Amino acid sequence: RYYRTEYQDSVKGRFTISRDNAKNT
């Protein structure tokens, strides 16, 4: 709902998770 994110420390700052609910992806 709020698109809060969490990351493993080893990837934080390099990886970005996102979602598009309209595309189910």
PDB file of all heavy atoms in Angstrom:
ATOM      1  N   ARG A   1       0.794  -1.221   0.000  1.00  0.00           N
ATOM      2  CA  ARG A   1       0.000   0.000   0.000  1.00  0.00           C
ATOM      3  C   ARG A   1       0.828   1.272   0.000  1.00  0.00           C
ATOM      4  O   ARG A   1       0.591   2.166  -0.813  1.00  0.00           O
ATOM      5  CB  ARG A   1      -0.941  -0.004   1.210  1.00  0.00           C
ATOM      6  CG  ARG A   1      -1.868   1.189   1.269  1.00  0.00           C
ATOM      7  CD  ARG A   1      -2.885   1.028   2.370  1.00  0.00           C
ATOM      8  NE  ARG A   1      -3.820   2.153   2.404  1.00  0.00           N
ATOM      9  CZ  ARG A   1      -4.830   2.257   3.241  1.00  0.00           C
ATOM     10  NH1 ARG A   1      -5.053   1.299   4.137  1.00  0.00           N
ATOM     11  NH2 ARG A   1      -5.629   3.308   3.199  1.00  0.00           N
ATOM     12  N   TYR A   2       1.769   1.369   0.908  1.00  0.00           N
ATOM     13  CA  TYR A   2       2.536   2.596   1.064  1.00  0.00           C
ATOM     14  C   TYR A   2       3.899   2.543   0.387  1.00  0.00           C
ATOM     15  O   TYR A   2       4.648   3.521   0.421  1.00  0.00           O
ATOM     16  CB  TYR A   2       2.703   2.920   2.550  1.00  0.00           C
ATOM     17  CG  TYR A   2       1.395   3.164   3.235  1.00  0.00           C
ATOM     18  CD1 TYR A   2       0.857   2.224   4.105  1.00  0.00           C
ATOM     19  CD2 TYR A   2       0.676   4.333   3.008  1.00  0.00           C
ATOM     20  CE1 TYR A   2      -0.357   2.435   4.724  1.00  0.00           C
ATOM     21  CE2 TYR A   2      -0.540   4.549   3.628  1.00  0.00           C
ATOM     22  CZ  TYR A   2      -1.051   3.601   4.488  1.00  0.00           C
ATOM     23  OH  TYR A   2      -2.262   3.815   5.109  1.00  0.00           O
ATOM     24  N   TYR A   3       4.212   1.421  -0.189  1.00  0.00           N
ATOM     25  CA  TYR A   3       5.459   1.222  -0.926  1.00  0.00           C
ATOM     26  C   TYR A   3       6.690   1.456  -0.056  1.00  0.00           C
ATOM     27  O   TYR A   3       7.716   1.955  -0.523  1.00  0.00           O
ATOM     28  CB  TYR A   3       5.494   2.116  -2.160  1.00  0.00           C
ATOM     29  CG  TYR A   3       4.548   1.685  -3.270  1.00  0.00           C
ATOM     30  CD1 TYR A   3       3.466   0.867  -3.017  1.00  0.00           C
ATOM     31  CD2 TYR A   3       4.758   2.104  -4.586  1.00  0.00           C
ATOM     32  CE1 TYR A   3       2.606   0.476  -4.028  1.00  0.00           C
ATOM     33  CE2 TYR A   3       3.901   1.719  -5.606  1.00  0.00           C
ATOM     34  CZ  TYR A   3       2.827   0.909  -5.320  1.00  0.00           C
ATOM     35  OH  TYR A   3       1.971   0.525  -6.326  1.00  0.00           O
ATOM     36  N   ARG A   4       6.556   1.097   1.219  1.00  0.00           N
ATOM     37  CA  ARG A   4       7.727   1.093   2.083  1.00  0.00           C
ATOM     38  C   ARG A   4       8.688   0.021   1.599  1.00  0.00           C
ATOM     39  O   ARG A   4       8.264  -1.014   1.089  1.00  0.00           O
ATOM     40  CB  ARG A   4       7.322   0.807   3.527  1.00  0.00           C
ATOM     41  CG  ARG A   4       6.471   1.886   4.163  1.00  0.00           C
ATOM     42  CD  ARG A   4       5.948   1.416   5.509  1.00  0.00           C
ATOM     43  NE  ARG A   4       5.075   0.262   5.348  1.00  0.00           N
ATOM     44  CZ  ARG A   4       4.617  -0.480   6.340  1.00  0.00           C
ATOM     45  NH1 ARG A   4       4.966  -0.198   7.597  1.00  0.00           N
ATOM     46  NH2 ARG A   4       3.814  -1.507   6.096  1.00  0.00           N
ATOM     47  N   THR A   5       9.958   0.269   1.781  1.00  0.00           N
ATOM     48  CA  THR A   5      10.962  -0.660   1.281  1.00  0.00           C
ATOM     49  C   THR A   5      11.946  -1.066   2.363  1.00  0.00           C
ATOM     50  O   THR A   5      12.182  -0.334   3.323  1.00  0.00           O
ATOM     51  CB  THR A   5      11.747  -0.054   0.105  1.00  0.00           C
ATOM     52  OG1 THR A   5      12.370   1.159   0.527  1.00  0.00           O
ATOM     53  CG2 THR A   5      10.816   0.244  -1.059  1.00  0.00           C
ATOM     54  N   GLU A   6      12.533  -2.236   2.194  1.00  0.00           N
ATOM     55  CA  GLU A   6      13.595  -2.738   3.043  1.00  0.00           C
ATOM     56  C   GLU A   6      14.658  -3.363   2.148  1.00  0.00           C
ATOM     57  O   GLU A   6      14.339  -3.936   1.111  1.00  0.00           O
ATOM     58  CB  GLU A   6      13.083  -3.777   4.040  1.00  0.00           C
ATOM     59  CG  GLU A   6      12.098  -3.226   5.053  1.00  0.00           C
ATOM     60  CD  GLU A   6      11.676  -4.261   6.072  1.00  0.00           C
ATOM     61  OE1 GLU A   6      12.144  -5.413   5.987  1.00  0.00           O
ATOM     62  OE2 GLU A   6      10.880  -3.914   6.958  1.00  0.00           O
ATOM     63  N   TYR A   7      15.906  -3.245   2.577  1.00  0.00           N
ATOM     64  CA  TYR A   7      17.010  -3.760   1.789  1.00  0.00           C
ATOM     65  C   TYR A   7      18.021  -4.478   2.657  1.00  0.00           C
ATOM     66  O   TYR A   7      18.254  -4.117   3.809  1.00  0.00           O
ATOM     67  CB  TYR A   7      17.744  -2.633   1.063  1.00  0.00           C
ATOM     68  CG  TYR A   7      16.928  -1.926   0.017  1.00  0.00           C
ATOM     69  CD1 TYR A   7      16.235  -0.760   0.323  1.00  0.00           C
ATOM     70  CD2 TYR A   7      16.863  -2.413  -1.280  1.00  0.00           C
ATOM     71  CE1 TYR A   7      15.483  -0.109  -0.637  1.00  0.00           C
ATOM     72  CE2 TYR A   7      16.114  -1.763  -2.249  1.00  0.00           C
ATOM     73  CZ  TYR A   7      15.425  -0.613  -1.917  1.00  0.00           C
ATOM     74  OH  TYR A   7      14.684   0.039  -2.878  1.00  0.00           O
ATOM     75  N   GLN A   8      18.639  -5.480   2.067  1.00  0.00           N
ATOM     76  CA  GLN A   8      19.813  -6.079   2.648  1.00  0.00           C
ATOM     77  C   GLN A   8      20.935  -5.044   2.615  1.00  0.00           C
ATOM     78  O   GLN A   8      21.085  -4.307   1.639  1.00  0.00           O
ATOM     79  CB  GLN A   8      20.202  -7.323   1.856  1.00  0.00           C
ATOM     80  CG  GLN A   8      21.472  -8.024   2.316  1.00  0.00           C
ATOM     81  CD  GLN A   8      21.317  -8.655   3.670  1.00  0.00           C
ATOM     82  OE1 GLN A   8      21.987  -8.249   4.625  1.00  0.00           O
ATOM     83  NE2 GLN A   8      20.439  -9.642   3.777  1.00  0.00           N
ATOM     84  N   ASP A   9      21.723  -4.993   3.679  1.00  0.00           N
ATOM     85  CA  ASP A   9      22.764  -3.977   3.777  1.00  0.00           C
ATOM     86  C   ASP A   9      23.737  -4.008   2.600  1.00  0.00           C
ATOM     87  O   ASP A   9      24.214  -2.958   2.154  1.00  0.00           O
ATOM     88  CB  ASP A   9      23.539  -4.134   5.081  1.00  0.00           C
ATOM     89  CG  ASP A   9      22.750  -3.694   6.292  1.00  0.00           C
ATOM     90  OD1 ASP A   9      21.735  -3.001   6.125  1.00  0.00           O
ATOM     91  OD2 ASP A   9      23.157  -4.032   7.414  1.00  0.00           O
ATOM     92  N   SER A  10      24.019  -5.171   2.094  1.00  0.00           N
ATOM     93  CA  SER A  10      25.010  -5.300   1.037  1.00  0.00           C
ATOM     94  C   SER A  10      24.562  -4.707  -0.294  1.00  0.00           C
ATOM     95  O   SER A  10      25.393  -4.467  -1.173  1.00  0.00           O
ATOM     96  CB  SER A  10      25.387  -6.768   0.840  1.00  0.00           C
ATOM     97  OG  SER A  10      24.284  -7.522   0.380  1.00  0.00           O
ATOM     98  N   VAL A  11      23.263  -4.460  -0.450  1.00  0.00           N
ATOM     99  CA  VAL A  11      22.763  -3.916  -1.707  1.00  0.00           C
ATOM    100  C   VAL A  11      22.195  -2.515  -1.558  1.00  0.00           C
ATOM    101  O   VAL A  11      21.897  -1.867  -2.571  1.00  0.00           O
ATOM    102  CB  VAL A  11      21.693  -4.833  -2.342  1.00  0.00           C
ATOM    103  CG1 VAL A  11      22.219  -6.253  -2.474  1.00  0.00           C
ATOM    104  CG2 VAL A  11      20.399  -4.803  -1.534  1.00  0.00           C
ATOM    105  N   LYS A  12      22.060  -2.050  -0.344  1.00  0.00           N
ATOM    106  CA  LYS A  12      21.474  -0.737  -0.107  1.00  0.00           C
ATOM    107  C   LYS A  12      22.323   0.346  -0.768  1.00  0.00           C
ATOM    108  O   LYS A  12      23.540   0.381  -0.627  1.00  0.00           O
ATOM    109  CB  LYS A  12      21.352  -0.471   1.389  1.00  0.00           C
ATOM    110  CG  LYS A  12      20.460   0.708   1.731  1.00  0.00           C
ATOM    111  CD  LYS A  12      20.184   0.769   3.224  1.00  0.00           C
ATOM    112  CE  LYS A  12      19.190   1.864   3.551  1.00  0.00           C
ATOM    113  NZ  LYS A  12      18.875   1.899   4.997  1.00  0.00           N
ATOM    114  N   GLY A  13      21.661   1.232  -1.500  1.00  0.00           N
ATOM    115  CA  GLY A  13      22.355   2.266  -2.235  1.00  0.00           C
ATOM    116  C   GLY A  13      22.686   1.880  -3.656  1.00  0.00           C
ATOM    117  O   GLY A  13      22.994   2.755  -4.478  1.00  0.00           O
ATOM    118  N   ARG A  14      22.621   0.590  -3.961  1.00  0.00           N
ATOM    119  CA  ARG A  14      22.880   0.116  -5.318  1.00  0.00           C
ATOM    120  C   ARG A  14      21.626  -0.451  -5.977  1.00  0.00           C
ATOM    121  O   ARG A  14      21.434  -0.297  -7.180  1.00  0.00           O
ATOM    122  CB  ARG A  14      23.961  -0.962  -5.313  1.00  0.00           C
ATOM    123  CG  ARG A  14      25.308  -0.480  -4.800  1.00  0.00           C
ATOM    124  CD  ARG A  14      26.387  -1.538  -5.013  1.00  0.00           C
ATOM    125  NE  ARG A  14      26.099  -2.770  -4.267  1.00  0.00           N
ATOM    126  CZ  ARG A  14      25.951  -3.966  -4.812  1.00  0.00           C
ATOM    127  NH1 ARG A  14      26.071  -4.122  -6.129  1.00  0.00           N
ATOM    128  NH2 ARG A  14      25.706  -5.029  -4.054  1.00  0.00           N
ATOM    129  N   PHE A  15      20.809  -1.129  -5.188  1.00  0.00           N
ATOM    130  CA  PHE A  15      19.592  -1.757  -5.709  1.00  0.00           C
ATOM    131  C   PHE A  15      18.369  -0.950  -5.292  1.00  0.00           C
ATOM    132  O   PHE A  15      18.329  -0.376  -4.202  1.00  0.00           O
ATOM    133  CB  PHE A  15      19.433  -3.175  -5.164  1.00  0.00           C
ATOM    134  CG  PHE A  15      20.430  -4.170  -5.672  1.00  0.00           C
ATOM    135  CD1 PHE A  15      21.558  -3.788  -6.379  1.00  0.00           C
ATOM    136  CD2 PHE A  15      20.231  -5.522  -5.429  1.00  0.00           C
ATOM    137  CE1 PHE A  15      22.476  -4.717  -6.836  1.00  0.00           C
ATOM    138  CE2 PHE A  15      21.140  -6.467  -5.877  1.00  0.00           C
ATOM    139  CZ  PHE A  15      22.257  -6.066  -6.577  1.00  0.00           C
ATOM    140  N   THR A  16      17.360  -0.952  -6.145  1.00  0.00           N
ATOM    141  CA  THR A  16      16.103  -0.290  -5.841  1.00  0.00           C
ATOM    142  C   THR A  16      14.944  -1.207  -6.206  1.00  0.00           C
ATOM    143  O   THR A  16      14.848  -1.657  -7.349  1.00  0.00           O
ATOM    144  CB  THR A  16      15.952   1.030  -6.605  1.00  0.00           C
ATOM    145  OG1 THR A  16      17.042   1.903  -6.286  1.00  0.00           O
ATOM    146  CG2 THR A  16      14.640   1.719  -6.234  1.00  0.00           C
ATOM    147  N   ILE A  17      14.089  -1.483  -5.235  1.00  0.00           N
ATOM    148  CA  ILE A  17      12.890  -2.261  -5.502  1.00  0.00           C
ATOM    149  C   ILE A  17      11.726  -1.308  -5.722  1.00  0.00           C
ATOM    150  O   ILE A  17      11.605  -0.284  -5.049  1.00  0.00           O
ATOM    151  CB  ILE A  17      12.592  -3.251  -4.360  1.00  0.00           C
ATOM    152  CG1 ILE A  17      11.439  -4.188  -4.750  1.00  0.00           C
ATOM    153  CG2 ILE A  17      12.300  -2.533  -3.053  1.00  0.00           C
ATOM    154  CD1 ILE A  17      11.226  -5.339  -3.779  1.00  0.00           C
ATOM    155  N   SER A  18      10.880  -1.638  -6.673  1.00  0.00           N
ATOM    156  CA  SER A  18       9.710  -0.826  -6.957  1.00  0.00           C
ATOM    157  C   SER A  18       8.598  -1.733  -7.460  1.00  0.00           C
ATOM    158  O   SER A  18       8.827  -2.908  -7.762  1.00  0.00           O
ATOM    159  CB  SER A  18      10.029   0.263  -7.985  1.00  0.00           C
ATOM    160  OG  SER A  18      10.441  -0.302  -9.215  1.00  0.00           O
ATOM    161  N   ARG A  19       7.401  -1.190  -7.529  1.00  0.00           N
ATOM    162  CA  ARG A  19       6.291  -1.985  -8.040  1.00  0.00           C
ATOM    163  C   ARG A  19       5.314  -1.107  -8.797  1.00  0.00           C
ATOM    164  O   ARG A  19       5.190   0.090  -8.548  1.00  0.00           O
ATOM    165  CB  ARG A  19       5.574  -2.730  -6.908  1.00  0.00           C
ATOM    166  CG  ARG A  19       4.819  -1.836  -5.934  1.00  0.00           C
ATOM    167  CD  ARG A  19       4.348  -2.637  -4.721  1.00  0.00           C
ATOM    168  NE  ARG A  19       3.375  -3.657  -5.080  1.00  0.00           N
ATOM    169  CZ  ARG A  19       3.047  -4.697  -4.320  1.00  0.00           C
ATOM    170  NH1 ARG A  19       3.660  -4.865  -3.139  1.00  0.00           N
ATOM    171  NH2 ARG A  19       2.140  -5.569  -4.721  1.00  0.00           N
ATOM    172  N   ASP A  20       4.622  -1.723  -9.723  1.00  0.00           N
ATOM    173  CA  ASP A  20       3.588  -1.067 -10.496  1.00  0.00           C
ATOM    174  C   ASP A  20       2.366  -1.966 -10.415  1.00  0.00           C
ATOM    175  O   ASP A  20       2.268  -2.957 -11.141  1.00  0.00           O
ATOM    176  CB  ASP A  20       4.035  -0.859 -11.936  1.00  0.00           C
ATOM    177  CG  ASP A  20       3.048  -0.041 -12.744  1.00  0.00           C
ATOM    178  OD1 ASP A  20       1.870   0.052 -12.357  1.00  0.00           O
ATOM    179  OD2 ASP A  20       3.457   0.513 -13.779  1.00  0.00           O
ATOM    180  N   ASN A  21       1.455  -1.630  -9.517  1.00  0.00           N
ATOM    181  CA  ASN A  21       0.293  -2.484  -9.303  1.00  0.00           C
ATOM    182  C   ASN A  21      -0.608  -2.559 -10.534  1.00  0.00           C
ATOM    183  O   ASN A  21      -1.288  -3.562 -10.743  1.00  0.00           O
ATOM    184  CB  ASN A  21      -0.511  -1.998  -8.094  1.00  0.00           C
ATOM    185  CG  ASN A  21       0.166  -2.319  -6.782  1.00  0.00           C
ATOM    186  OD1 ASN A  21       1.157  -3.044  -6.735  1.00  0.00           O
ATOM    187  ND2 ASN A  21      -0.365  -1.772  -5.692  1.00  0.00           N
ATOM    188  N   ALA A  22      -0.616  -1.505 -11.330  1.00  0.00           N
ATOM    189  CA  ALA A  22      -1.414  -1.515 -12.550  1.00  0.00           C
ATOM    190  C   ALA A  22      -0.905  -2.548 -13.538  1.00  0.00           C
ATOM    191  O   ALA A  22      -1.668  -3.058 -14.359  1.00  0.00           O
ATOM    192  CB  ALA A  22      -1.426  -0.135 -13.194  1.00  0.00           C
ATOM    193  N   LYS A  23       0.387  -2.861 -13.462  1.00  0.00           N
ATOM    194  CA  LYS A  23       0.987  -3.849 -14.348  1.00  0.00           C
ATOM    195  C   LYS A  23       1.231  -5.184 -13.660  1.00  0.00           C
ATOM    196  O   LYS A  23       1.795  -6.099 -14.268  1.00  0.00           O
ATOM    197  CB  LYS A  23       2.300  -3.322 -14.916  1.00  0.00           C
ATOM    198  CG  LYS A  23       2.146  -2.100 -15.808  1.00  0.00           C
ATOM    199  CD  LYS A  23       3.489  -1.660 -16.366  1.00  0.00           C
ATOM    200  CE  LYS A  23       3.327  -0.473 -17.290  1.00  0.00           C
ATOM    201  NZ  LYS A  23       4.630  -0.029 -17.846  1.00  0.00           N
ATOM    202  N   ASN A  24       0.850  -5.281 -12.391  1.00  0.00           N
ATOM    203  CA  ASN A  24       1.043  -6.514 -11.618  1.00  0.00           C
ATOM    204  C   ASN A  24       2.500  -6.958 -11.630  1.00  0.00           C
ATOM    205  O   ASN A  24       2.803  -8.150 -11.765  1.00  0.00           O
ATOM    206  CB  ASN A  24       0.154  -7.638 -12.159  1.00  0.00           C
ATOM    207  CG  ASN A  24      -1.308  -7.292 -12.142  1.00  0.00           C
ATOM    208  OD1 ASN A  24      -1.790  -6.608 -11.236  1.00  0.00           O
ATOM    209  ND2 ASN A  24      -2.042  -7.775 -13.134  1.00  0.00           N
ATOM    210  N   THR A  25       3.388  -5.996 -11.475  1.00  0.00           N
ATOM    211  CA  THR A  25       4.809  -6.275 -11.633  1.00  0.00           C
ATOM    212  C   THR A  25       5.632  -5.588 -10.550  1.00  0.00           C
ATOM    213  O   THR A  25       5.371  -4.437 -10.191  1.00  0.00           O
ATOM    214  CB  THR A  25       5.299  -5.812 -13.012  1.00  0.00           C
ATOM    215  OG1 THR A  25       4.540  -6.467 -14.034  1.00  0.00           O
ATOM    216  CG2 THR A  25       6.767  -6.141 -13.211  1.00  0.00           C
TER     217      THR A  25
END
